[in-house]
Amino acid sequence: LRMVSEERAAYEGRSRQRRDRIVELHRQGLKGYEIARELSVS
């Protein structure tokens, strides 16, 4: 895990982009399960 883990900044950036995308899709009118399917998250 220590050898293959990604840099914290890279993880946080990816996480921030996903949060922004979730909000964007919600504002476009998608339901939670539709957003989850679109982004391949729960």
PDB file of all heavy atoms in Angstrom:
ATOM      1  N   LEU A   1       0.824  -1.209   0.000  1.00  0.00           N
ATOM      2  CA  LEU A   1       0.000   0.000   0.000  1.00  0.00           C
ATOM      3  C   LEU A   1       0.860   1.261   0.000  1.00  0.00           C
ATOM      4  O   LEU A   1       0.573   2.230  -0.699  1.00  0.00           O
ATOM      5  CB  LEU A   1      -0.946  -0.001   1.198  1.00  0.00           C
ATOM      6  CG  LEU A   1      -2.064  -1.035   1.156  1.00  0.00           C
ATOM      7  CD1 LEU A   1      -2.828  -1.038   2.471  1.00  0.00           C
ATOM      8  CD2 LEU A   1      -2.992  -0.773  -0.007  1.00  0.00           C
ATOM      9  N   ARG A   2       1.913   1.242   0.796  1.00  0.00           N
ATOM     10  CA  ARG A   2       2.792   2.406   0.873  1.00  0.00           C
ATOM     11  C   ARG A   2       3.512   2.641  -0.453  1.00  0.00           C
ATOM     12  O   ARG A   2       3.696   3.777  -0.883  1.00  0.00           O
ATOM     13  CB  ARG A   2       3.796   2.218   2.000  1.00  0.00           C
ATOM     14  CG  ARG A   2       4.551   3.485   2.353  1.00  0.00           C
ATOM     15  CD  ARG A   2       5.504   3.238   3.484  1.00  0.00           C
ATOM     16  NE  ARG A   2       6.053   1.992   3.097  1.00  0.00           N
ATOM     17  CZ  ARG A   2       6.823   1.116   3.734  1.00  0.00           C
ATOM     18  NH1 ARG A   2       7.161   1.286   4.767  1.00  0.00           N
ATOM     19  NH2 ARG A   2       7.264   0.008   3.318  1.00  0.00           N
ATOM     20  N   MET A   3       3.893   1.568  -1.129  1.00  0.00           N
ATOM     21  CA  MET A   3       4.659   1.688  -2.370  1.00  0.00           C
ATOM     22  C   MET A   3       3.789   2.100  -3.569  1.00  0.00           C
ATOM     23  O   MET A   3       4.272   2.781  -4.467  1.00  0.00           O
ATOM     24  CB  MET A   3       5.362   0.368  -2.690  1.00  0.00           C
ATOM     25  CG  MET A   3       6.370  -0.054  -1.639  1.00  0.00           C
ATOM     26  SD  MET A   3       7.689   1.126  -1.389  1.00  0.00           S
ATOM     27  CE  MET A   3       8.634   0.886  -2.854  1.00  0.00           C
ATOM     28  N   VAL A   4       2.541   1.677  -3.596  1.00  0.00           N
ATOM     29  CA  VAL A   4       1.718   1.945  -4.779  1.00  0.00           C
ATOM     30  C   VAL A   4       0.671   3.034  -4.577  1.00  0.00           C
ATOM     31  O   VAL A   4      -0.062   3.358  -5.500  1.00  0.00           O
ATOM     32  CB  VAL A   4       1.012   0.658  -5.279  1.00  0.00           C
ATOM     33  CG1 VAL A   4       2.021  -0.393  -5.655  1.00  0.00           C
ATOM     34  CG2 VAL A   4       0.025   0.150  -4.268  1.00  0.00           C
ATOM     35  N   SER A   5       0.611   3.598  -3.385  1.00  0.00           N
ATOM     36  CA  SER A   5      -0.422   4.610  -3.147  1.00  0.00           C
ATOM     37  C   SER A   5      -0.130   5.872  -3.946  1.00  0.00           C
ATOM     38  O   SER A   5       1.022   6.214  -4.216  1.00  0.00           O
ATOM     39  CB  SER A   5      -0.513   4.939  -1.656  1.00  0.00           C
ATOM     40  OG  SER A   5       0.687   5.536  -1.216  1.00  0.00           O
ATOM     41  N   GLU A   6      -1.204   6.576  -4.310  1.00  0.00           N
ATOM     42  CA  GLU A   6      -1.028   7.806  -5.075  1.00  0.00           C
ATOM     43  C   GLU A   6      -0.762   8.970  -4.127  1.00  0.00           C
ATOM     44  O   GLU A   6      -1.044   8.905  -2.927  1.00  0.00           O
ATOM     45  CB  GLU A   6      -2.267   8.088  -5.934  1.00  0.00           C
ATOM     46  CG  GLU A   6      -3.523   8.371  -5.169  1.00  0.00           C
ATOM     47  CD  GLU A   6      -4.727   8.546  -6.071  1.00  0.00           C
ATOM     48  OE1 GLU A   6      -4.625   9.268  -7.084  1.00  0.00           O
ATOM     49  OE2 GLU A   6      -5.761   7.968  -5.760  1.00  0.00           O
ATOM     50  N   GLU A   7      -0.218  10.020  -4.648  1.00  0.00           N
ATOM     51  CA  GLU A   7       0.067  11.210  -3.855  1.00  0.00           C
ATOM     52  C   GLU A   7      -1.230  11.778  -3.286  1.00  0.00           C
ATOM     53  O   GLU A   7      -2.266  11.756  -3.948  1.00  0.00           O
ATOM     54  CB  GLU A   7       0.753  12.277  -4.711  1.00  0.00           C
ATOM     55  CG  GLU A   7       2.132  11.898  -5.182  1.00  0.00           C
ATOM     56  CD  GLU A   7       3.125  11.826  -4.037  1.00  0.00           C
ATOM     57  OE1 GLU A   7       3.042  12.647  -3.104  1.00  0.00           O
ATOM     58  OE2 GLU A   7       3.988  10.932  -4.076  1.00  0.00           O
ATOM     59  N   ARG A   8      -1.165  12.303  -2.091  1.00  0.00           N
ATOM     60  CA  ARG A   8      -2.347  12.851  -1.432  1.00  0.00           C
ATOM     61  C   ARG A   8      -2.973  13.974  -2.261  1.00  0.00           C
ATOM     62  O   ARG A   8      -4.190  14.061  -2.393  1.00  0.00           O
ATOM     63  CB  ARG A   8      -1.965  13.352  -0.034  1.00  0.00           C
ATOM     64  CG  ARG A   8      -3.112  13.871   0.774  1.00  0.00           C
ATOM     65  CD  ARG A   8      -3.976  12.744   1.208  1.00  0.00           C
ATOM     66  NE  ARG A   8      -5.127  13.253   1.938  1.00  0.00           N
ATOM     67  CZ  ARG A   8      -6.059  12.476   2.434  1.00  0.00           C
ATOM     68  NH1 ARG A   8      -5.965  11.177   2.298  1.00  0.00           N
ATOM     69  NH2 ARG A   8      -7.080  12.968   3.064  1.00  0.00           N
ATOM     70  N   ALA A   9      -2.160  14.836  -2.819  1.00  0.00           N
ATOM     71  CA  ALA A   9      -2.671  15.956  -3.619  1.00  0.00           C
ATOM     72  C   ALA A   9      -3.431  15.445  -4.845  1.00  0.00           C
ATOM     73  O   ALA A   9      -4.469  16.003  -5.212  1.00  0.00           O
ATOM     74  CB  ALA A   9      -1.537  16.869  -4.048  1.00  0.00           C
ATOM     75  N   ALA A  10      -2.936  14.386  -5.455  1.00  0.00           N
ATOM     76  CA  ALA A  10      -3.615  13.816  -6.625  1.00  0.00           C
ATOM     77  C   ALA A  10      -4.967  13.237  -6.219  1.00  0.00           C
ATOM     78  O   ALA A  10      -5.976  13.437  -6.904  1.00  0.00           O
ATOM     79  CB  ALA A  10      -2.753  12.737  -7.273  1.00  0.00           C
ATOM     80  N   TYR A  11      -4.994  12.524  -5.082  1.00  0.00           N
ATOM     81  CA  TYR A  11      -6.247  11.954  -4.594  1.00  0.00           C
ATOM     82  C   TYR A  11      -7.249  13.061  -4.269  1.00  0.00           C
ATOM     83  O   TYR A  11      -8.416  12.990  -4.655  1.00  0.00           O
ATOM     84  CB  TYR A  11      -5.999  11.100  -3.343  1.00  0.00           C
ATOM     85  CG  TYR A  11      -7.262  10.779  -2.608  1.00  0.00           C
ATOM     86  CD1 TYR A  11      -8.126   9.803  -3.076  1.00  0.00           C
ATOM     87  CD2 TYR A  11      -7.625  11.491  -1.467  1.00  0.00           C
ATOM     88  CE1 TYR A  11      -9.315   9.521  -2.431  1.00  0.00           C
ATOM     89  CE2 TYR A  11      -8.809  11.219  -0.811  1.00  0.00           C
ATOM     90  CZ  TYR A  11      -9.646  10.232  -1.294  1.00  0.00           C
ATOM     91  OH  TYR A  11     -10.812   9.970  -0.642  1.00  0.00           O
ATOM     92  N   GLU A  12      -6.800  14.088  -3.562  1.00  0.00           N
ATOM     93  CA  GLU A  12      -7.704  15.177  -3.180  1.00  0.00           C
ATOM     94  C   GLU A  12      -8.234  15.918  -4.402  1.00  0.00           C
ATOM     95  O   GLU A  12      -9.393  16.320  -4.435  1.00  0.00           O
ATOM     96  CB  GLU A  12      -7.004  16.134  -2.219  1.00  0.00           C
ATOM     97  CG  GLU A  12      -6.810  15.526  -0.839  1.00  0.00           C
ATOM     98  CD  GLU A  12      -6.011  16.400   0.095  1.00  0.00           C
ATOM     99  OE1 GLU A  12      -5.398  17.400  -0.367  1.00  0.00           O
ATOM    100  OE2 GLU A  12      -5.989  16.076   1.297  1.00  0.00           O
ATOM    101  N   GLY A  13      -7.398  16.091  -5.407  1.00  0.00           N
ATOM    102  CA  GLY A  13      -7.839  16.753  -6.633  1.00  0.00           C
ATOM    103  C   GLY A  13      -8.906  15.945  -7.348  1.00  0.00           C
ATOM    104  O   GLY A  13      -9.915  16.483  -7.799  1.00  0.00           O
ATOM    105  N   ARG A  14      -8.686  14.639  -7.441  1.00  0.00           N
ATOM    106  CA  ARG A  14      -9.667  13.747  -8.070  1.00  0.00           C
ATOM    107  C   ARG A  14     -10.966  13.733  -7.275  1.00  0.00           C
ATOM    108  O   ARG A  14     -12.058  13.782  -7.834  1.00  0.00           O
ATOM    109  CB  ARG A  14      -9.058  12.331  -8.137  1.00  0.00           C
ATOM    110  CG  ARG A  14      -9.554  11.489  -9.234  1.00  0.00           C
ATOM    111  CD  ARG A  14      -8.739  10.215  -9.417  1.00  0.00           C
ATOM    112  NE  ARG A  14      -8.121   9.658  -8.228  1.00  0.00           N
ATOM    113  CZ  ARG A  14      -8.741   8.890  -7.330  1.00  0.00           C
ATOM    114  NH1 ARG A  14      -9.998   8.587  -7.492  1.00  0.00           N
ATOM    115  NH2 ARG A  14      -8.086   8.423  -6.292  1.00  0.00           N
ATOM    116  N   SER A  15     -10.847  13.732  -5.952  1.00  0.00           N
ATOM    117  CA  SER A  15     -12.023  13.738  -5.090  1.00  0.00           C
ATOM    118  C   SER A  15     -12.811  15.043  -5.238  1.00  0.00           C
ATOM    119  O   SER A  15     -14.042  15.043  -5.308  1.00  0.00           O
ATOM    120  CB  SER A  15     -11.591  13.552  -3.638  1.00  0.00           C
ATOM    121  OG  SER A  15     -12.687  13.560  -2.775  1.00  0.00           O
ATOM    122  N   ARG A  16     -12.098  16.152  -5.308  1.00  0.00           N
ATOM    123  CA  ARG A  16     -12.743  17.464  -5.468  1.00  0.00           C
ATOM    124  C   ARG A  16     -13.488  17.529  -6.803  1.00  0.00           C
ATOM    125  O   ARG A  16     -14.614  18.017  -6.875  1.00  0.00           O
ATOM    126  CB  ARG A  16     -11.687  18.568  -5.392  1.00  0.00           C
ATOM    127  CG  ARG A  16     -12.250  19.958  -5.294  1.00  0.00           C
ATOM    128  CD  ARG A  16     -11.162  21.023  -5.078  1.00  0.00           C
ATOM    129  NE  ARG A  16     -10.197  20.665  -4.043  1.00  0.00           N
ATOM    130  CZ  ARG A  16      -8.936  20.263  -4.281  1.00  0.00           C
ATOM    131  NH1 ARG A  16      -8.472  20.186  -5.511  1.00  0.00           N
ATOM    132  NH2 ARG A  16      -8.117  19.959  -3.291  1.00  0.00           N
ATOM    133  N   GLN A  17     -12.869  17.000  -7.860  1.00  0.00           N
ATOM    134  CA  GLN A  17     -13.527  16.991  -9.172  1.00  0.00           C
ATOM    135  C   GLN A  17     -14.792  16.141  -9.131  1.00  0.00           C
ATOM    136  O   GLN A  17     -15.810  16.513  -9.717  1.00  0.00           O
ATOM    137  CB  GLN A  17     -12.581  16.441 -10.238  1.00  0.00           C
ATOM    138  CG  GLN A  17     -11.478  17.385 -10.604  1.00  0.00           C
ATOM    139  CD  GLN A  17     -10.490  16.757 -11.572  1.00  0.00           C
ATOM    140  OE1 GLN A  17     -10.439  15.541 -11.732  1.00  0.00           O
ATOM    141  NE2 GLN A  17      -9.692  17.600 -12.213  1.00  0.00           N
ATOM    142  N   ARG A  18     -14.737  15.012  -8.435  1.00  0.00           N
ATOM    143  CA  ARG A  18     -15.909  14.148  -8.336  1.00  0.00           C
ATOM    144  C   ARG A  18     -17.024  14.858  -7.557  1.00  0.00           C
ATOM    145  O   ARG A  18     -18.182  14.818  -7.952  1.00  0.00           O
ATOM    146  CB  ARG A  18     -15.548  12.817  -7.668  1.00  0.00           C
ATOM    147  CG  ARG A  18     -16.718  11.851  -7.628  1.00  0.00           C
ATOM    148  CD  ARG A  18     -16.348  10.502  -7.097  1.00  0.00           C
ATOM    149  NE  ARG A  18     -15.713  10.617  -5.804  1.00  0.00           N
ATOM    150  CZ  ARG A  18     -14.762   9.790  -5.352  1.00  0.00           C
ATOM    151  NH1 ARG A  18     -14.341   8.808  -6.085  1.00  0.00           N
ATOM    152  NH2 ARG A  18     -14.250   9.969  -4.161  1.00  0.00           N
ATOM    153  N   ARG A  19     -16.670  15.542  -6.449  1.00  0.00           N
ATOM    154  CA  ARG A  19     -17.682  16.290  -5.687  1.00  0.00           C
ATOM    155  C   ARG A  19     -18.327  17.356  -6.552  1.00  0.00           C
ATOM    156  O   ARG A  19     -19.554  17.516  -6.559  1.00  0.00           O
ATOM    157  CB  ARG A  19     -17.044  16.940  -4.460  1.00  0.00           C
ATOM    158  CG  ARG A  19     -16.845  16.008  -3.295  1.00  0.00           C
ATOM    159  CD  ARG A  19     -16.509  16.775  -2.031  1.00  0.00           C
ATOM    160  NE  ARG A  19     -15.340  17.632  -2.165  1.00  0.00           N
ATOM    161  CZ  ARG A  19     -14.096  17.268  -1.876  1.00  0.00           C
ATOM    162  NH1 ARG A  19     -13.847  16.054  -1.444  1.00  0.00           N
ATOM    163  NH2 ARG A  19     -13.114  18.110  -2.010  1.00  0.00           N
ATOM    164  N   ASP A  20     -17.516  18.104  -7.292  1.00  0.00           N
ATOM    165  CA  ASP A  20     -18.052  19.150  -8.165  1.00  0.00           C
ATOM    166  C   ASP A  20     -18.967  18.551  -9.237  1.00  0.00           C
ATOM    167  O   ASP A  20     -20.011  19.117  -9.560  1.00  0.00           O
ATOM    168  CB  ASP A  20     -16.922  19.933  -8.830  1.00  0.00           C
ATOM    169  CG  ASP A  20     -16.102  20.744  -7.840  1.00  0.00           C
ATOM    170  OD1 ASP A  20     -16.562  20.947  -6.694  1.00  0.00           O
ATOM    171  OD2 ASP A  20     -14.987  21.166  -8.206  1.00  0.00           O
ATOM    172  N   ARG A  21     -18.586  17.406  -9.772  1.00  0.00           N
ATOM    173  CA  ARG A  21     -19.392  16.739 -10.812  1.00  0.00           C
ATOM    174  C   ARG A  21     -20.717  16.252 -10.232  1.00  0.00           C
ATOM    175  O   ARG A  21     -21.755  16.347 -10.892  1.00  0.00           O
ATOM    176  CB  ARG A  21     -18.597  15.574 -11.405  1.00  0.00           C
ATOM    177  CG  ARG A  21     -19.268  14.917 -12.564  1.00  0.00           C
ATOM    178  CD  ARG A  21     -19.240  15.801 -13.804  1.00  0.00           C
ATOM    179  NE  ARG A  21     -19.873  15.066 -14.892  1.00  0.00           N
ATOM    180  CZ  ARG A  21     -20.735  15.589 -15.721  1.00  0.00           C
ATOM    181  NH1 ARG A  21     -21.038  16.865 -15.658  1.00  0.00           N
ATOM    182  NH2 ARG A  21     -21.295  14.857 -16.655  1.00  0.00           N
ATOM    183  N   ILE A  22     -20.708  15.751  -9.000  1.00  0.00           N
ATOM    184  CA  ILE A  22     -21.936  15.308  -8.341  1.00  0.00           C
ATOM    185  C   ILE A  22     -22.902  16.482  -8.198  1.00  0.00           C
ATOM    186  O   ILE A  22     -24.076  16.376  -8.532  1.00  0.00           O
ATOM    187  CB  ILE A  22     -21.638  14.667  -6.970  1.00  0.00           C
ATOM    188  CG1 ILE A  22     -20.990  13.290  -7.159  1.00  0.00           C
ATOM    189  CG2 ILE A  22     -22.900  14.550  -6.115  1.00  0.00           C
ATOM    190  CD1 ILE A  22     -20.447  12.672  -5.882  1.00  0.00           C
ATOM    191  N   VAL A  23     -22.395  17.613  -7.740  1.00  0.00           N
ATOM    192  CA  VAL A  23     -23.238  18.805  -7.582  1.00  0.00           C
ATOM    193  C   VAL A  23     -23.761  19.259  -8.937  1.00  0.00           C
ATOM    194  O   VAL A  23     -24.946  19.582  -9.086  1.00  0.00           O
ATOM    195  CB  VAL A  23     -22.461  19.933  -6.872  1.00  0.00           C
ATOM    196  CG1 VAL A  23     -23.216  21.253  -6.945  1.00  0.00           C
ATOM    197  CG2 VAL A  23     -22.187  19.563  -5.425  1.00  0.00           C
ATOM    198  N   GLU A  24     -22.893  19.266  -9.947  1.00  0.00           N
ATOM    199  CA  GLU A  24     -23.297  19.688 -11.297  1.00  0.00           C
ATOM    200  C   GLU A  24     -24.418  18.805 -11.841  1.00  0.00           C
ATOM    201  O   GLU A  24     -25.425  19.306 -12.357  1.00  0.00           O
ATOM    202  CB  GLU A  24     -22.083  19.652 -12.235  1.00  0.00           C
ATOM    203  CG  GLU A  24     -22.384  20.017 -13.657  1.00  0.00           C
ATOM    204  CD  GLU A  24     -22.727  21.482 -13.832  1.00  0.00           C
ATOM    205  OE1 GLU A  24     -22.356  22.301 -12.967  1.00  0.00           O
ATOM    206  OE2 GLU A  24     -23.374  21.812 -14.837  1.00  0.00           O
ATOM    207  N   LEU A  25     -24.263  17.493 -11.723  1.00  0.00           N
ATOM    208  CA  LEU A  25     -25.290  16.577 -12.231  1.00  0.00           C
ATOM    209  C   LEU A  25     -26.593  16.718 -11.450  1.00  0.00           C
ATOM    210  O   LEU A  25     -27.683  16.639 -12.022  1.00  0.00           O
ATOM    211  CB  LEU A  25     -24.788  15.132 -12.183  1.00  0.00           C
ATOM    212  CG  LEU A  25     -23.652  14.817 -13.169  1.00  0.00           C
ATOM    213  CD1 LEU A  25     -23.096  13.422 -12.912  1.00  0.00           C
ATOM    214  CD2 LEU A  25     -24.118  14.968 -14.605  1.00  0.00           C
ATOM    215  N   HIS A  26     -26.485  16.964 -10.151  1.00  0.00           N
ATOM    216  CA  HIS A  26     -27.694  17.175  -9.337  1.00  0.00           C
ATOM    217  C   HIS A  26     -28.431  18.432  -9.803  1.00  0.00           C
ATOM    218  O   HIS A  26     -29.650  18.432  -9.926  1.00  0.00           O
ATOM    219  CB  HIS A  26     -27.306  17.297  -7.858  1.00  0.00           C
ATOM    220  CG  HIS A  26     -28.471  17.589  -6.970  1.00  0.00           C
ATOM    221  ND1 HIS A  26     -29.405  16.640  -6.641  1.00  0.00           N
ATOM    222  CD2 HIS A  26     -28.866  18.729  -6.366  1.00  0.00           C
ATOM    223  CE1 HIS A  26     -30.316  17.181  -5.851  1.00  0.00           C
ATOM    224  NE2 HIS A  26     -30.017  18.454  -5.679  1.00  0.00           N
ATOM    225  N   ARG A  27     -27.673  19.485 -10.072  1.00  0.00           N
ATOM    226  CA  ARG A  27     -28.293  20.734 -10.530  1.00  0.00           C
ATOM    227  C   ARG A  27     -28.914  20.577 -11.909  1.00  0.00           C
ATOM    228  O   ARG A  27     -29.830  21.305 -12.275  1.00  0.00           O
ATOM    229  CB  ARG A  27     -27.275  21.869 -10.542  1.00  0.00           C
ATOM    230  CG  ARG A  27     -26.853  22.236  -9.109  1.00  0.00           C
ATOM    231  CD  ARG A  27     -26.139  23.524  -9.020  1.00  0.00           C
ATOM    232  NE  ARG A  27     -27.109  24.588  -9.236  1.00  0.00           N
ATOM    233  CZ  ARG A  27     -26.793  25.785  -9.686  1.00  0.00           C
ATOM    234  NH1 ARG A  27     -25.555  26.074  -9.978  1.00  0.00           N
ATOM    235  NH2 ARG A  27     -27.717  26.698  -9.857  1.00  0.00           N
ATOM    236  N   GLN A  28     -28.432  19.608 -12.704  1.00  0.00           N
ATOM    237  CA  GLN A  28     -29.009  19.336 -14.012  1.00  0.00           C
ATOM    238  C   GLN A  28     -30.289  18.513 -13.897  1.00  0.00           C
ATOM    239  O   GLN A  28     -30.962  18.284 -14.901  1.00  0.00           O
ATOM    240  CB  GLN A  28     -28.006  18.593 -14.897  1.00  0.00           C
ATOM    241  CG  GLN A  28     -26.855  19.454 -15.328  1.00  0.00           C
ATOM    242  CD  GLN A  28     -25.819  18.678 -16.122  1.00  0.00           C
ATOM    243  OE1 GLN A  28     -26.061  17.566 -16.569  1.00  0.00           O
ATOM    244  NE2 GLN A  28     -24.656  19.274 -16.298  1.00  0.00           N
ATOM    245  N   GLY A  29     -30.612  18.065 -12.676  1.00  0.00           N
ATOM    246  CA  GLY A  29     -31.869  17.364 -12.462  1.00  0.00           C
ATOM    247  C   GLY A  29     -31.767  15.857 -12.334  1.00  0.00           C
ATOM    248  O   GLY A  29     -32.785  15.181 -12.220  1.00  0.00           O
ATOM    249  N   LEU A  30     -30.560  15.298 -12.338  1.00  0.00           N
ATOM    250  CA  LEU A  30     -30.417  13.858 -12.188  1.00  0.00           C
ATOM    251  C   LEU A  30     -30.692  13.444 -10.751  1.00  0.00           C
ATOM    252  O   LEU A  30     -30.411  14.191  -9.814  1.00  0.00           O
ATOM    253  CB  LEU A  30     -29.012  13.397 -12.584  1.00  0.00           C
ATOM    254  CG  LEU A  30     -28.802  13.040 -14.049  1.00  0.00           C
ATOM    255  CD1 LEU A  30     -28.933  14.265 -14.927  1.00  0.00           C
ATOM    256  CD2 LEU A  30     -27.467  12.383 -14.231  1.00  0.00           C
ATOM    257  N   LYS A  31     -31.235  12.261 -10.584  1.00  0.00           N
ATOM    258  CA  LYS A  31     -31.482  11.696  -9.265  1.00  0.00           C
ATOM    259  C   LYS A  31     -30.197  11.066  -8.749  1.00  0.00           C
ATOM    260  O   LYS A  31     -29.276  10.788  -9.509  1.00  0.00           O
ATOM    261  CB  LYS A  31     -32.588  10.655  -9.337  1.00  0.00           C
ATOM    262  CG  LYS A  31     -33.929  11.245  -9.737  1.00  0.00           C
ATOM    263  CD  LYS A  31     -34.985  10.177  -9.745  1.00  0.00           C
ATOM    264  CE  LYS A  31     -36.365  10.626 -10.095  1.00  0.00           C
ATOM    265  NZ  LYS A  31     -36.649  11.970 -10.342  1.00  0.00           N
ATOM    266  N   GLY A  32     -30.137  10.820  -7.443  1.00  0.00           N
ATOM    267  CA  GLY A  32     -28.931  10.287  -6.817  1.00  0.00           C
ATOM    268  C   GLY A  32     -28.447   9.001  -7.448  1.00  0.00           C
ATOM    269  O   GLY A  32     -27.254   8.831  -7.726  1.00  0.00           O
ATOM    270  N   TYR A  33     -29.368   8.059  -7.691  1.00  0.00           N
ATOM    271  CA  TYR A  33     -28.945   6.781  -8.263  1.00  0.00           C
ATOM    272  C   TYR A  33     -28.459   6.947  -9.706  1.00  0.00           C
ATOM    273  O   TYR A  33     -27.592   6.205 -10.172  1.00  0.00           O
ATOM    274  CB  TYR A  33     -30.058   5.729  -8.174  1.00  0.00           C
ATOM    275  CG  TYR A  33     -31.251   5.964  -9.062  1.00  0.00           C
ATOM    276  CD1 TYR A  33     -31.298   5.453 -10.357  1.00  0.00           C
ATOM    277  CD2 TYR A  33     -32.337   6.699  -8.610  1.00  0.00           C
ATOM    278  CE1 TYR A  33     -32.386   5.671 -11.174  1.00  0.00           C
ATOM    279  CE2 TYR A  33     -33.447   6.921  -9.416  1.00  0.00           C
ATOM    280  CZ  TYR A  33     -33.464   6.409 -10.697  1.00  0.00           C
ATOM    281  OH  TYR A  33     -34.545   6.626 -11.509  1.00  0.00           O
ATOM    282  N   GLU A  34     -28.991   7.949 -10.421  1.00  0.00           N
ATOM    283  CA  GLU A  34     -28.530   8.212 -11.785  1.00  0.00           C
ATOM    284  C   GLU A  34     -27.117   8.803 -11.773  1.00  0.00           C
ATOM    285  O   GLU A  34     -26.277   8.454 -12.613  1.00  0.00           O
ATOM    286  CB  GLU A  34     -29.492   9.163 -12.493  1.00  0.00           C
ATOM    287  CG  GLU A  34     -30.873   8.577 -12.710  1.00  0.00           C
ATOM    288  CD  GLU A  34     -31.902   9.604 -13.172  1.00  0.00           C
ATOM    289  OE1 GLU A  34     -31.792  10.790 -12.794  1.00  0.00           O
ATOM    290  OE2 GLU A  34     -32.811   9.206 -13.919  1.00  0.00           O
ATOM    291  N   ILE A  35     -26.876   9.684 -10.821  1.00  0.00           N
ATOM    292  CA  ILE A  35     -25.538  10.266 -10.674  1.00  0.00           C
ATOM    293  C   ILE A  35     -24.544   9.163 -10.324  1.00  0.00           C
ATOM    294  O   ILE A  35     -23.453   9.092 -10.882  1.00  0.00           O
ATOM    295  CB  ILE A  35     -25.538  11.359  -9.588  1.00  0.00           C
ATOM    296  CG1 ILE A  35     -26.429  12.534 -10.007  1.00  0.00           C
ATOM    297  CG2 ILE A  35     -24.112  11.837  -9.307  1.00  0.00           C
ATOM    298  CD1 ILE A  35     -26.685  13.546  -8.912  1.00  0.00           C
ATOM    299  N   ALA A  36     -24.949   8.279  -9.403  1.00  0.00           N
ATOM    300  CA  ALA A  36     -24.077   7.178  -8.990  1.00  0.00           C
ATOM    301  C   ALA A  36     -23.719   6.295 -10.175  1.00  0.00           C
ATOM    302  O   ALA A  36     -22.553   5.922 -10.358  1.00  0.00           O
ATOM    303  CB  ALA A  36     -24.762   6.352  -7.897  1.00  0.00           C
ATOM    304  N   ARG A  37     -24.700   5.985 -10.983  1.00  0.00           N
ATOM    305  CA  ARG A  37     -24.453   5.152 -12.160  1.00  0.00           C
ATOM    306  C   ARG A  37     -23.526   5.874 -13.145  1.00  0.00           C
ATOM    307  O   ARG A  37     -22.607   5.273 -13.699  1.00  0.00           O
ATOM    308  CB  ARG A  37     -25.772   4.798 -12.832  1.00  0.00           C
ATOM    309  CG  ARG A  37     -25.626   3.726 -13.898  1.00  0.00           C
ATOM    310  CD  ARG A  37     -26.948   3.309 -14.503  1.00  0.00           C
ATOM    311  NE  ARG A  37     -27.920   2.919 -13.499  1.00  0.00           N
ATOM    312  CZ  ARG A  37     -29.186   3.344 -13.471  1.00  0.00           C
ATOM    313  NH1 ARG A  37     -29.625   4.158 -14.396  1.00  0.00           N
ATOM    314  NH2 ARG A  37     -30.015   2.946 -12.538  1.00  0.00           N
ATOM    315  N   GLU A  38     -23.768   7.144 -13.344  1.00  0.00           N
ATOM    316  CA  GLU A  38     -22.961   7.936 -14.284  1.00  0.00           C
ATOM    317  C   GLU A  38     -21.488   7.990 -13.862  1.00  0.00           C
ATOM    318  O   GLU A  38     -20.590   7.901 -14.698  1.00  0.00           O
ATOM    319  CB  GLU A  38     -23.526   9.363 -14.357  1.00  0.00           C
ATOM    320  CG  GLU A  38     -22.705  10.344 -15.131  1.00  0.00           C
ATOM    321  CD  GLU A  38     -22.967  10.299 -16.622  1.00  0.00           C
ATOM    322  OE1 GLU A  38     -23.998   9.751 -17.043  1.00  0.00           O
ATOM    323  OE2 GLU A  38     -22.120  10.815 -17.354  1.00  0.00           O
ATOM    324  N   LEU A  39     -21.240   8.130 -12.566  1.00  0.00           N
ATOM    325  CA  LEU A  39     -19.878   8.287 -12.066  1.00  0.00           C
ATOM    326  C   LEU A  39     -19.264   6.996 -11.546  1.00  0.00           C
ATOM    327  O   LEU A  39     -18.127   7.004 -11.060  1.00  0.00           O
ATOM    328  CB  LEU A  39     -19.857   9.341 -10.955  1.00  0.00           C
ATOM    329  CG  LEU A  39     -20.336  10.736 -11.353  1.00  0.00           C
ATOM    330  CD1 LEU A  39     -20.297  11.673 -10.169  1.00  0.00           C
ATOM    331  CD2 LEU A  39     -19.501  11.280 -12.498  1.00  0.00           C
ATOM    332  N   SER A  40     -20.019   5.896 -11.612  1.00  0.00           N
ATOM    333  CA  SER A  40     -19.556   4.594 -11.120  1.00  0.00           C
ATOM    334  C   SER A  40     -19.157   4.642  -9.648  1.00  0.00           C
ATOM    335  O   SER A  40     -18.089   4.178  -9.256  1.00  0.00           O
ATOM    336  CB  SER A  40     -18.386   4.073 -11.957  1.00  0.00           C
ATOM    337  OG  SER A  40     -18.767   3.888 -13.291  1.00  0.00           O
ATOM    338  N   VAL A  41     -20.017   5.268  -8.842  1.00  0.00           N
ATOM    339  CA  VAL A  41     -19.835   5.301  -7.394  1.00  0.00           C
ATOM    340  C   VAL A  41     -21.132   4.809  -6.764  1.00  0.00           C
ATOM    341  O   VAL A  41     -22.120   4.577  -7.457  1.00  0.00           O
ATOM    342  CB  VAL A  41     -19.491   6.726  -6.885  1.00  0.00           C
ATOM    343  CG1 VAL A  41     -18.175   7.210  -7.478  1.00  0.00           C
ATOM    344  CG2 VAL A  41     -20.594   7.720  -7.200  1.00  0.00           C
ATOM    345  N   SER A  42     -21.143   4.674  -5.442  1.00  0.00           N
ATOM    346  CA  SER A  42     -22.354   4.212  -4.786  1.00  0.00           C
ATOM    347  C   SER A  42     -23.344   5.367  -4.614  1.00  0.00           C
ATOM    348  O   SER A  42     -22.958   6.542  -4.546  1.00  0.00           O
ATOM    349  CB  SER A  42     -22.024   3.618  -3.412  1.00  0.00           C
ATOM    350  OG  SER A  42     -21.627   4.631  -2.520  1.00  0.00           O
TER     351      SER A  42
END
